[in-house]
């Protein structure tokens, strides 16, 4: 269900939608063209699998470790994490208040020819 005001979405509003529509910890807050903005707030473990589009995570609260392919980095509030399409990734050993904005964008399969 999209937010009532797509020009202003608060973290409190997003968290009020937890658990998500499938009794999970993800809710879509805004869709526009290829852009999808969601809130993700896993608890205890992160069960996600690779996605078909590129994505950004913006950490709003919480801390822990982020596995991105073979890399593992510590994260905290204010950090931005990028994951290319189809790459295995997950949050590990994270605090129980973790909340991240998730931004999916671009075509299925990710940006063609993009290099990091």
Protein backbone atom coordinates (compact mmCIF):
# COMPACT_ATOMS: atom_id res chain seq x y z
CA UNK A 1 0.00 0.00 0.00
CA UNK A 2 1.58 3.33 -1.00
CA UNK A 3 2.10 6.12 1.49
CA UNK A 4 -0.63 8.77 1.71
CA UNK A 5 1.82 11.58 0.96
CA UNK A 6 4.46 10.31 -1.48
CA UNK A 7 6.45 13.52 -1.08
CA UNK A 8 7.07 12.99 2.64
CA UNK A 9 7.51 9.58 4.22
CA UNK A 10 8.64 9.29 7.81
CA UNK A 11 10.48 6.43 9.45
CA UNK A 12 7.74 6.26 12.10
CA UNK A 13 5.05 5.83 9.41
CA UNK A 14 7.08 3.14 7.69
CA UNK A 15 7.74 1.21 10.90
CA UNK A 16 4.03 1.34 11.75
CA UNK A 17 3.52 -0.99 8.76
CA UNK A 18 5.58 -3.77 10.32
CA UNK A 19 5.20 -6.62 9.99
CA UNK A 20 4.60 -6.26 6.27
CA UNK A 21 1.71 -7.52 4.17
CA UNK A 22 3.04 -11.09 4.11
CA UNK A 23 3.79 -11.08 7.84
CA UNK A 24 7.39 -10.28 6.95
CA UNK A 25 9.55 -7.30 7.76
CA UNK A 26 9.35 -5.40 4.47
CA UNK A 27 6.77 -2.88 3.30
CA UNK A 28 6.68 -0.83 0.10
CA UNK A 29 6.26 2.86 0.81
CA UNK A 30 6.54 4.40 -2.68
CA UNK A 31 6.62 3.27 -6.30
CA UNK A 32 7.42 5.57 -9.21
CA UNK A 33 8.63 4.27 -12.57
CA UNK A 34 11.44 1.80 -11.83
CA UNK A 35 11.90 3.19 -8.31
CA UNK A 36 10.61 1.23 -5.33
CA UNK A 37 11.19 2.55 -1.82
CA UNK A 38 10.63 0.14 1.02
CA UNK A 39 11.36 -0.21 4.70
CA UNK A 40 13.12 -3.35 5.89
CA UNK A 41 13.33 -4.22 9.58
CA UNK A 42 14.36 -7.86 10.01
CA UNK A 43 14.36 -9.42 13.45
CA UNK A 44 16.80 -12.08 14.70
CA UNK A 45 17.93 -13.18 11.22
CA UNK A 46 17.91 -11.88 7.66
CA UNK A 47 16.43 -14.52 5.31
CA UNK A 48 16.68 -12.57 2.06
CA UNK A 49 18.00 -13.99 -1.19
CA UNK A 50 19.52 -12.14 -4.19
CA UNK A 51 17.25 -9.65 -5.94
CA UNK A 52 16.70 -9.07 -9.66
CA UNK A 53 17.40 -5.32 -9.54
CA UNK A 54 20.15 -3.09 -8.18
CA UNK A 55 19.45 -1.77 -4.70
CA UNK A 56 20.61 0.65 -2.05
CA UNK A 57 20.15 0.33 1.69
CA UNK A 58 20.20 3.47 3.84
CA UNK A 59 20.65 2.52 7.48
CA UNK A 60 18.32 4.57 9.67
CA UNK A 61 18.95 2.82 12.96
CA UNK A 62 20.75 -0.23 14.26
CA UNK A 63 24.18 -1.68 13.60
CA UNK A 64 25.87 -4.95 12.78
CA UNK A 65 27.61 -6.61 9.86
CA UNK A 66 26.61 -6.67 6.20
CA UNK A 67 27.60 -9.54 3.92
CA UNK A 68 27.81 -8.42 0.26
CA UNK A 69 29.06 -11.27 -1.93
CA UNK A 70 32.40 -12.29 -0.38
CA UNK A 71 32.80 -8.97 1.47
CA UNK A 72 31.69 -8.29 5.04
CA UNK A 73 31.60 -4.77 6.52
CA UNK A 74 30.42 -3.21 9.78
CA UNK A 75 27.51 -0.77 9.39
CA UNK A 76 25.64 1.78 11.47
CA UNK A 77 23.14 4.65 11.22
CA UNK A 78 23.70 6.91 8.23
CA UNK A 79 25.58 4.30 6.18
CA UNK A 80 24.63 3.49 2.58
CA UNK A 81 25.13 -0.03 1.23
CA UNK A 82 24.95 -0.84 -2.51
CA UNK A 83 24.13 -4.31 -3.85
CA UNK A 84 24.16 -5.09 -7.59
CA UNK A 85 21.40 -7.29 -8.96
CA UNK A 86 21.78 -11.04 -8.32
CA UNK A 87 24.51 -10.70 -5.66
CA UNK A 88 24.01 -12.73 -2.47
CA UNK A 89 23.79 -10.42 0.56
CA UNK A 90 22.37 -10.22 4.08
CA UNK A 91 22.57 -8.46 7.41
CA UNK A 92 24.40 -10.44 10.11
CA UNK A 93 24.77 -10.06 13.89
CA UNK A 94 22.57 -6.94 13.87
CA UNK A 95 20.87 -5.14 16.72
CA UNK A 96 17.16 -5.73 17.30
CA UNK A 97 16.26 -2.16 16.32
CA UNK A 98 17.61 -2.43 12.74
CA UNK A 99 15.62 -0.38 10.21
CA UNK A 100 16.81 0.42 6.70
CA UNK A 101 15.31 2.18 3.71
CA UNK A 102 15.56 -0.09 0.67
CA UNK A 103 15.71 1.53 -2.74
CA UNK A 104 15.29 -0.72 -5.79
CA UNK A 105 15.75 0.92 -9.17
CA UNK A 106 16.49 0.29 -12.80
CA UNK A 107 15.71 -2.65 -15.06
CA UNK A 108 15.46 -6.31 -14.10
CA UNK A 109 18.96 -7.73 -14.14
CA UNK A 110 20.52 -4.44 -13.02
CA UNK A 111 22.16 -1.64 -14.94
CA UNK A 112 23.70 -3.12 -18.09
CA UNK A 113 27.40 -2.46 -18.47
CA UNK A 114 27.71 -0.64 -15.16
CA UNK A 115 30.97 -1.19 -13.34
CA UNK A 116 31.92 -0.65 -9.75
